[in-house]
Amino acid sequence: MIYALYCGSAYLDPNVEILGVESFTQCIAACDSYNIQSFALGAPCQGVTFYEDTLGNNCFLKNSTNHPQAVNGVDSGVLLTPQQPAGNSSTLLPSLSTTMSSMYPSGGSGVVTVTVTSTVITGPGTGPGTGGTGPGGTGPGTGGT
């Protein structure tokens, strides 16, 4: 999933779950896990707020990301690529222009960093393959997909 990350900000939106984790990265992973477990509901975790200097319940999974507030020592992430079950045509993508304008109403600026994570599944090839060892480099090959 792809998230926009905001340093020094907290989302005041309702929580879908509150957890104790060791890092901001683990908090984002918890949002992804929550969405995988609740996939039929259409990605109810839309972002996270993580309080880095708080022990215990420091990771707040959010069901919306419409109410940001500047807070020192707090980081937040907004889910940019929510997964939706088949037949769900509603959009869950937050309006970043609205979010940014409410965080910086006086025309200030902020830095947004986007993190991309992916899963690669590997295994033995099942296709005819390419690049064999015969004359001219065209043989039966091995592997393939």
N, C-alpha and C. Protein backbone atom coordinates (compact mmCIF):
# COMPACT_ATOMS: atom_id res chain seq x y z
N MET A 1 0.84 -1.17 0.00
CA MET A 1 0.00 0.00 0.00
C MET A 1 0.89 1.24 0.00
N ILE A 2 0.36 2.33 -0.47
CA ILE A 2 1.12 3.57 -0.53
C ILE A 2 0.50 4.57 0.45
N TYR A 3 1.36 5.22 1.23
CA TYR A 3 0.94 6.18 2.23
C TYR A 3 1.63 7.52 2.00
N ALA A 4 0.94 8.61 2.27
CA ALA A 4 1.56 9.92 2.38
C ALA A 4 1.90 10.08 3.87
N LEU A 5 3.12 10.47 4.17
CA LEU A 5 3.57 10.57 5.56
C LEU A 5 3.68 12.03 5.97
N TYR A 6 3.19 12.33 7.16
CA TYR A 6 3.20 13.70 7.68
C TYR A 6 3.88 13.71 9.04
N CYS A 7 5.02 14.38 9.12
CA CYS A 7 5.73 14.51 10.39
C CYS A 7 5.14 15.68 11.17
N GLY A 8 5.02 15.50 12.47
CA GLY A 8 4.50 16.58 13.31
C GLY A 8 3.02 16.83 13.14
N SER A 9 2.26 15.79 12.83
CA SER A 9 0.81 15.97 12.67
C SER A 9 0.06 14.78 13.25
N ALA A 10 -1.13 15.06 13.74
CA ALA A 10 -2.02 14.03 14.26
C ALA A 10 -3.38 14.20 13.61
N TYR A 11 -4.03 13.09 13.32
CA TYR A 11 -5.40 13.14 12.81
C TYR A 11 -6.35 12.92 13.97
N LEU A 12 -7.33 13.81 14.10
CA LEU A 12 -8.28 13.77 15.20
C LEU A 12 -9.53 12.96 14.86
N ASP A 13 -9.51 12.30 13.71
CA ASP A 13 -10.65 11.50 13.26
C ASP A 13 -10.85 10.28 14.17
N PRO A 14 -12.03 9.65 14.09
CA PRO A 14 -12.31 8.46 14.91
C PRO A 14 -11.33 7.32 14.64
N ASN A 15 -11.08 6.53 15.68
CA ASN A 15 -10.19 5.37 15.59
C ASN A 15 -10.98 4.11 15.28
N VAL A 16 -10.37 3.22 14.50
CA VAL A 16 -10.95 1.89 14.33
C VAL A 16 -10.27 0.89 15.26
N GLU A 17 -9.05 1.24 15.68
CA GLU A 17 -8.32 0.39 16.63
C GLU A 17 -7.18 1.20 17.22
N ILE A 18 -6.80 0.88 18.47
CA ILE A 18 -5.68 1.52 19.15
C ILE A 18 -4.73 0.41 19.60
N LEU A 19 -3.44 0.57 19.27
CA LEU A 19 -2.46 -0.47 19.56
C LEU A 19 -1.21 0.12 20.21
N GLY A 20 -0.42 -0.75 20.81
CA GLY A 20 0.92 -0.39 21.27
C GLY A 20 1.94 -1.04 20.36
N VAL A 21 2.74 -0.24 19.65
CA VAL A 21 3.75 -0.76 18.73
C VAL A 21 5.07 -0.05 18.99
N GLU A 22 6.16 -0.57 18.41
CA GLU A 22 7.48 -0.03 18.66
C GLU A 22 7.90 1.08 17.70
N SER A 23 7.24 1.18 16.52
CA SER A 23 7.71 2.17 15.53
C SER A 23 6.56 2.64 14.65
N PHE A 24 6.80 3.74 13.98
CA PHE A 24 5.85 4.28 13.01
C PHE A 24 5.62 3.28 11.88
N THR A 25 6.68 2.59 11.45
CA THR A 25 6.57 1.59 10.40
C THR A 25 5.63 0.46 10.83
N GLN A 26 5.75 0.01 12.08
CA GLN A 26 4.87 -1.04 12.59
C GLN A 26 3.42 -0.56 12.66
N CYS A 27 3.22 0.71 12.94
CA CYS A 27 1.88 1.27 13.00
C CYS A 27 1.24 1.23 11.61
N ILE A 28 2.00 1.60 10.59
CA ILE A 28 1.50 1.56 9.21
C ILE A 28 1.21 0.10 8.81
N ALA A 29 2.10 -0.81 9.19
CA ALA A 29 1.87 -2.23 8.89
C ALA A 29 0.60 -2.73 9.57
N ALA A 30 0.31 -2.23 10.76
CA ALA A 30 -0.91 -2.62 11.47
C ALA A 30 -2.15 -2.16 10.71
N CYS A 31 -2.09 -1.00 10.09
CA CYS A 31 -3.20 -0.51 9.28
C CYS A 31 -3.41 -1.44 8.09
N ASP A 32 -2.32 -1.81 7.42
CA ASP A 32 -2.42 -2.75 6.30
C ASP A 32 -3.02 -4.08 6.75
N SER A 33 -2.55 -4.60 7.87
CA SER A 33 -3.06 -5.88 8.39
C SER A 33 -4.55 -5.78 8.72
N TYR A 34 -4.93 -4.67 9.33
CA TYR A 34 -6.34 -4.46 9.68
C TYR A 34 -7.19 -4.48 8.41
N ASN A 35 -6.70 -3.84 7.35
CA ASN A 35 -7.45 -3.79 6.10
C ASN A 35 -7.54 -5.15 5.43
N ILE A 36 -6.48 -5.95 5.52
CA ILE A 36 -6.52 -7.29 4.95
C ILE A 36 -7.55 -8.14 5.70
N GLN A 37 -7.57 -8.03 7.02
CA GLN A 37 -8.53 -8.79 7.82
C GLN A 37 -9.96 -8.31 7.59
N SER A 38 -10.13 -7.05 7.26
CA SER A 38 -11.47 -6.45 7.09
C SER A 38 -11.74 -6.10 5.64
N PHE A 39 -11.15 -6.85 4.70
CA PHE A 39 -11.22 -6.51 3.28
C PHE A 39 -12.64 -6.35 2.76
N ALA A 40 -13.56 -7.19 3.21
CA ALA A 40 -14.94 -7.12 2.73
C ALA A 40 -15.62 -5.81 3.11
N LEU A 41 -15.08 -5.12 4.11
CA LEU A 41 -15.66 -3.84 4.53
C LEU A 41 -15.14 -2.67 3.70
N GLY A 42 -14.15 -2.89 2.83
CA GLY A 42 -13.65 -1.83 1.97
C GLY A 42 -12.59 -0.95 2.59
N ALA A 43 -11.59 -1.53 3.22
CA ALA A 43 -10.45 -0.80 3.80
C ALA A 43 -10.86 0.24 4.84
N PRO A 44 -11.33 -0.19 5.99
CA PRO A 44 -11.76 0.77 7.01
C PRO A 44 -10.63 1.57 7.65
N CYS A 45 -9.38 1.12 7.57
CA CYS A 45 -8.27 1.91 8.11
C CYS A 45 -7.76 2.81 6.98
N GLN A 46 -8.01 4.10 7.12
CA GLN A 46 -7.62 5.07 6.08
C GLN A 46 -6.31 5.77 6.40
N GLY A 47 -5.78 5.56 7.60
CA GLY A 47 -4.53 6.19 7.98
C GLY A 47 -4.19 5.89 9.42
N VAL A 48 -3.05 6.43 9.86
CA VAL A 48 -2.58 6.19 11.22
C VAL A 48 -2.06 7.48 11.83
N THR A 49 -2.08 7.51 13.15
CA THR A 49 -1.38 8.54 13.93
C THR A 49 -0.55 7.81 14.96
N PHE A 50 0.76 8.13 15.00
CA PHE A 50 1.69 7.43 15.88
C PHE A 50 2.36 8.44 16.81
N TYR A 51 2.25 8.22 18.13
CA TYR A 51 2.87 9.07 19.15
C TYR A 51 4.20 8.41 19.54
N GLU A 52 5.29 8.95 19.00
CA GLU A 52 6.60 8.30 19.15
C GLU A 52 7.14 8.27 20.57
N ASP A 53 6.76 9.22 21.42
CA ASP A 53 7.28 9.27 22.79
C ASP A 53 6.32 8.69 23.82
N THR A 54 5.31 7.97 23.38
CA THR A 54 4.32 7.40 24.28
C THR A 54 4.52 5.89 24.36
N LEU A 55 4.53 5.36 25.56
CA LEU A 55 4.60 3.92 25.76
C LEU A 55 3.18 3.36 25.80
N GLY A 56 3.03 2.13 25.42
CA GLY A 56 1.70 1.52 25.44
C GLY A 56 0.92 1.87 24.19
N ASN A 57 -0.32 2.30 24.36
CA ASN A 57 -1.19 2.61 23.23
C ASN A 57 -0.73 3.88 22.52
N ASN A 58 0.09 3.70 21.47
CA ASN A 58 0.67 4.84 20.76
C ASN A 58 0.37 4.85 19.27
N CYS A 59 -0.39 3.87 18.79
CA CYS A 59 -0.71 3.73 17.37
C CYS A 59 -2.23 3.75 17.20
N PHE A 60 -2.72 4.77 16.50
CA PHE A 60 -4.15 4.95 16.34
C PHE A 60 -4.51 4.75 14.87
N LEU A 61 -5.25 3.68 14.58
CA LEU A 61 -5.70 3.40 13.22
C LEU A 61 -6.97 4.21 12.99
N LYS A 62 -7.00 4.98 11.90
CA LYS A 62 -8.08 5.93 11.65
C LYS A 62 -9.03 5.46 10.55
N ASN A 63 -10.33 5.71 10.75
CA ASN A 63 -11.29 5.35 9.70
C ASN A 63 -11.51 6.48 8.71
N SER A 64 -10.91 7.64 8.96
CA SER A 64 -10.90 8.75 8.01
C SER A 64 -9.72 9.65 8.35
N THR A 65 -9.35 10.49 7.42
CA THR A 65 -8.20 11.39 7.63
C THR A 65 -8.58 12.79 7.14
N ASN A 66 -9.57 13.37 7.81
CA ASN A 66 -10.08 14.68 7.40
C ASN A 66 -9.75 15.80 8.37
N HIS A 67 -9.25 15.48 9.55
CA HIS A 67 -9.04 16.50 10.58
C HIS A 67 -7.61 16.47 11.13
N PRO A 68 -6.64 16.96 10.36
CA PRO A 68 -5.26 16.98 10.85
C PRO A 68 -5.01 18.16 11.79
N GLN A 69 -4.06 17.96 12.69
CA GLN A 69 -3.64 19.01 13.60
C GLN A 69 -2.14 18.90 13.80
N ALA A 70 -1.44 20.01 13.79
CA ALA A 70 0.01 20.01 14.02
C ALA A 70 0.29 19.67 15.48
N VAL A 71 1.12 18.64 15.71
CA VAL A 71 1.49 18.20 17.06
C VAL A 71 2.94 17.72 17.01
N ASN A 72 3.80 18.29 17.85
CA ASN A 72 5.19 17.85 17.90
C ASN A 72 5.28 16.43 18.45
N GLY A 73 6.22 15.64 17.91
CA GLY A 73 6.44 14.28 18.40
C GLY A 73 5.42 13.27 17.92
N VAL A 74 4.62 13.65 16.93
CA VAL A 74 3.58 12.76 16.42
C VAL A 74 3.74 12.69 14.91
N ASP A 75 3.60 11.50 14.35
CA ASP A 75 3.66 11.31 12.90
C ASP A 75 2.39 10.62 12.44
N SER A 76 1.98 10.94 11.22
CA SER A 76 0.76 10.34 10.68
C SER A 76 0.99 9.88 9.26
N GLY A 77 0.20 8.91 8.84
CA GLY A 77 0.23 8.41 7.48
C GLY A 77 -1.18 8.31 6.94
N VAL A 78 -1.36 8.70 5.68
CA VAL A 78 -2.66 8.63 5.03
C VAL A 78 -2.58 7.61 3.90
N LEU A 79 -3.46 6.64 3.92
CA LEU A 79 -3.49 5.60 2.90
C LEU A 79 -3.93 6.21 1.56
N LEU A 80 -3.07 6.09 0.54
CA LEU A 80 -3.36 6.65 -0.78
C LEU A 80 -3.93 5.61 -1.74
N THR A 81 -3.67 4.33 -1.47
CA THR A 81 -4.11 3.27 -2.38
C THR A 81 -4.93 2.22 -1.65
N PRO A 82 -6.13 2.58 -1.23
CA PRO A 82 -6.95 1.58 -0.52
C PRO A 82 -7.38 0.48 -1.47
N GLN A 83 -7.41 -0.74 -0.97
CA GLN A 83 -7.89 -1.88 -1.73
C GLN A 83 -9.38 -1.98 -1.50
N GLN A 84 -10.13 -2.30 -2.54
CA GLN A 84 -11.57 -2.40 -2.43
C GLN A 84 -12.04 -3.76 -2.93
N PRO A 85 -13.02 -4.36 -2.26
CA PRO A 85 -13.55 -5.63 -2.76
C PRO A 85 -14.30 -5.41 -4.07
N ALA A 86 -14.44 -6.47 -4.85
CA ALA A 86 -15.15 -6.38 -6.13
C ALA A 86 -16.56 -5.86 -5.91
N GLY A 87 -17.01 -5.00 -6.82
CA GLY A 87 -18.35 -4.45 -6.74
C GLY A 87 -18.47 -3.22 -5.87
N ASN A 88 -17.40 -2.81 -5.18
CA ASN A 88 -17.44 -1.61 -4.35
C ASN A 88 -16.94 -0.45 -5.19
N SER A 89 -17.85 0.38 -5.67
CA SER A 89 -17.47 1.46 -6.56
C SER A 89 -17.23 2.78 -5.83
N SER A 90 -17.42 2.80 -4.53
CA SER A 90 -17.20 4.05 -3.81
C SER A 90 -15.71 4.31 -3.66
N THR A 91 -15.35 5.57 -3.66
CA THR A 91 -13.94 5.91 -3.52
C THR A 91 -13.61 6.11 -2.05
N LEU A 92 -12.47 5.61 -1.65
CA LEU A 92 -12.01 5.77 -0.27
C LEU A 92 -10.78 6.65 -0.19
N LEU A 93 -10.35 7.19 -1.34
CA LEU A 93 -9.14 8.00 -1.39
C LEU A 93 -9.42 9.36 -0.78
N PRO A 94 -8.65 9.76 0.23
CA PRO A 94 -8.90 11.07 0.86
C PRO A 94 -8.53 12.21 -0.07
N SER A 95 -9.12 13.33 0.13
CA SER A 95 -8.82 14.51 -0.66
C SER A 95 -7.58 15.18 -0.08
N LEU A 96 -6.44 15.01 -0.74
CA LEU A 96 -5.20 15.56 -0.22
C LEU A 96 -5.18 17.08 -0.26
N SER A 97 -5.82 17.69 -1.26
CA SER A 97 -5.82 19.15 -1.32
C SER A 97 -6.56 19.72 -0.12
N THR A 98 -7.67 19.11 0.27
CA THR A 98 -8.41 19.55 1.44
C THR A 98 -7.58 19.33 2.69
N THR A 99 -6.96 18.15 2.78
CA THR A 99 -6.15 17.83 3.95
C THR A 99 -4.99 18.81 4.09
N MET A 100 -4.26 19.05 3.02
CA MET A 100 -3.10 19.95 3.09
C MET A 100 -3.53 21.38 3.38
N SER A 101 -4.62 21.85 2.79
CA SER A 101 -5.04 23.22 3.03
C SER A 101 -5.50 23.41 4.47
N SER A 102 -6.05 22.37 5.09
CA SER A 102 -6.46 22.51 6.48
C SER A 102 -5.26 22.42 7.42
N MET A 103 -4.19 21.73 7.00
CA MET A 103 -2.99 21.66 7.83
C MET A 103 -2.17 22.94 7.74
N TYR A 104 -2.20 23.57 6.57
CA TYR A 104 -1.40 24.76 6.33
C TYR A 104 -2.30 25.88 5.78
N PRO A 105 -3.25 26.38 6.60
CA PRO A 105 -4.23 27.33 6.10
C PRO A 105 -3.64 28.67 5.68
N SER A 106 -2.47 29.04 6.17
CA SER A 106 -1.90 30.34 5.82
C SER A 106 -1.03 30.27 4.58
N GLY A 107 -1.15 29.18 3.82
CA GLY A 107 -0.36 29.08 2.60
C GLY A 107 1.02 28.53 2.82
N GLY A 108 1.30 28.04 4.03
CA GLY A 108 2.61 27.44 4.29
C GLY A 108 2.77 26.17 3.49
N SER A 109 3.86 25.50 3.69
CA SER A 109 4.08 24.28 2.94
C SER A 109 4.52 23.17 3.87
N GLY A 110 4.37 21.97 3.40
CA GLY A 110 4.78 20.81 4.16
C GLY A 110 5.49 19.85 3.23
N VAL A 111 6.16 18.90 3.80
CA VAL A 111 6.86 17.90 3.01
C VAL A 111 6.09 16.60 3.10
N VAL A 112 5.79 16.03 1.97
CA VAL A 112 5.07 14.76 1.93
C VAL A 112 6.00 13.72 1.34
N THR A 113 6.18 12.63 2.06
CA THR A 113 6.99 11.53 1.58
C THR A 113 6.07 10.34 1.35
N VAL A 114 6.19 9.71 0.21
CA VAL A 114 5.36 8.56 -0.10
C VAL A 114 6.22 7.31 -0.04
N THR A 115 5.75 6.30 0.67
CA THR A 115 6.43 5.03 0.79
C THR A 115 5.69 3.98 -0.02
N VAL A 116 6.41 3.23 -0.81
CA VAL A 116 5.81 2.17 -1.61
C VAL A 116 6.28 0.84 -1.07
N THR A 117 5.34 -0.04 -0.78
CA THR A 117 5.68 -1.40 -0.37
C THR A 117 5.01 -2.36 -1.33
N SER A 118 5.61 -3.49 -1.53
CA SER A 118 5.01 -4.47 -2.42
C SER A 118 5.43 -5.87 -2.00
N THR A 119 4.73 -6.85 -2.51
CA THR A 119 5.04 -8.24 -2.25
C THR A 119 5.36 -8.91 -3.57
N VAL A 120 6.46 -9.60 -3.63
CA VAL A 120 6.84 -10.34 -4.83
C VAL A 120 6.79 -11.81 -4.51
N ILE A 121 6.05 -12.56 -5.31
CA ILE A 121 5.93 -14.00 -5.10
C ILE A 121 6.75 -14.69 -6.17
N THR A 122 7.66 -15.55 -5.75
CA THR A 122 8.50 -16.24 -6.72
C THR A 122 8.30 -17.74 -6.59
N GLY A 123 8.62 -18.43 -7.64
CA GLY A 123 8.50 -19.88 -7.64
C GLY A 123 9.05 -20.41 -8.94
N PRO A 124 8.98 -21.70 -9.15
CA PRO A 124 9.52 -22.26 -10.39
C PRO A 124 8.68 -21.81 -11.58
N GLY A 125 9.36 -21.61 -12.71
CA GLY A 125 8.64 -21.20 -13.91
C GLY A 125 7.81 -22.34 -14.48
N THR A 126 6.76 -21.97 -15.21
CA THR A 126 5.91 -23.00 -15.79
C THR A 126 5.77 -22.85 -17.30
N GLY A 127 6.32 -21.80 -17.87
CA GLY A 127 6.17 -21.55 -19.30
C GLY A 127 7.30 -22.15 -20.10
N PRO A 128 7.31 -21.88 -21.42
CA PRO A 128 8.33 -22.47 -22.29
C PRO A 128 9.72 -21.90 -22.08
N GLY A 129 9.86 -20.75 -21.47
CA GLY A 129 11.16 -20.15 -21.24
C GLY A 129 11.72 -19.50 -22.49
N THR A 130 12.84 -18.81 -22.34
CA THR A 130 13.50 -18.15 -23.47
C THR A 130 15.00 -18.23 -23.28
N GLY A 131 15.72 -17.97 -24.36
CA GLY A 131 17.18 -17.87 -24.25
C GLY A 131 17.87 -19.18 -24.03
N GLY A 132 17.50 -20.20 -24.75
CA GLY A 132 18.12 -21.52 -24.60
C GLY A 132 19.56 -21.52 -25.05
N THR A 133 20.12 -22.68 -25.17
CA THR A 133 21.55 -22.80 -25.46
C THR A 133 21.85 -23.26 -26.89
N GLY A 134 20.84 -23.36 -27.72
CA GLY A 134 21.07 -23.81 -29.11
C GLY A 134 21.72 -22.73 -29.95
N PRO A 135 22.05 -23.05 -31.23
CA PRO A 135 22.66 -22.04 -32.12
C PRO A 135 21.78 -20.80 -32.22
N GLY A 136 22.40 -19.66 -32.16
CA GLY A 136 21.67 -18.41 -32.24
C GLY A 136 20.90 -18.06 -30.97
N GLY A 137 21.15 -18.79 -29.90
CA GLY A 137 20.51 -18.48 -28.62
C GLY A 137 19.05 -18.83 -28.58
N THR A 138 18.57 -19.73 -29.41
CA THR A 138 17.14 -20.08 -29.36
C THR A 138 16.98 -21.56 -29.10
N GLY A 139 16.87 -21.93 -27.93
CA GLY A 139 16.62 -23.34 -27.60
C GLY A 139 15.35 -23.42 -26.77
N PRO A 140 15.12 -24.56 -26.18
CA PRO A 140 13.90 -24.69 -25.40
C PRO A 140 13.91 -23.83 -24.14
N GLY A 141 15.05 -23.47 -23.63
CA GLY A 141 15.14 -22.64 -22.44
C GLY A 141 14.65 -23.37 -21.19
N THR A 142 14.75 -22.69 -20.08
CA THR A 142 14.28 -23.25 -18.82
C THR A 142 13.55 -22.17 -18.05
N GLY A 143 12.73 -22.55 -17.11
CA GLY A 143 12.00 -21.59 -16.29
C GLY A 143 10.87 -20.96 -17.05
N GLY A 144 10.79 -19.69 -17.04
CA GLY A 144 9.73 -18.95 -17.71
C GLY A 144 8.58 -18.70 -16.78
N THR A 145 7.60 -17.99 -17.26
CA THR A 145 6.44 -17.67 -16.43
C THR A 145 5.17 -17.90 -17.20
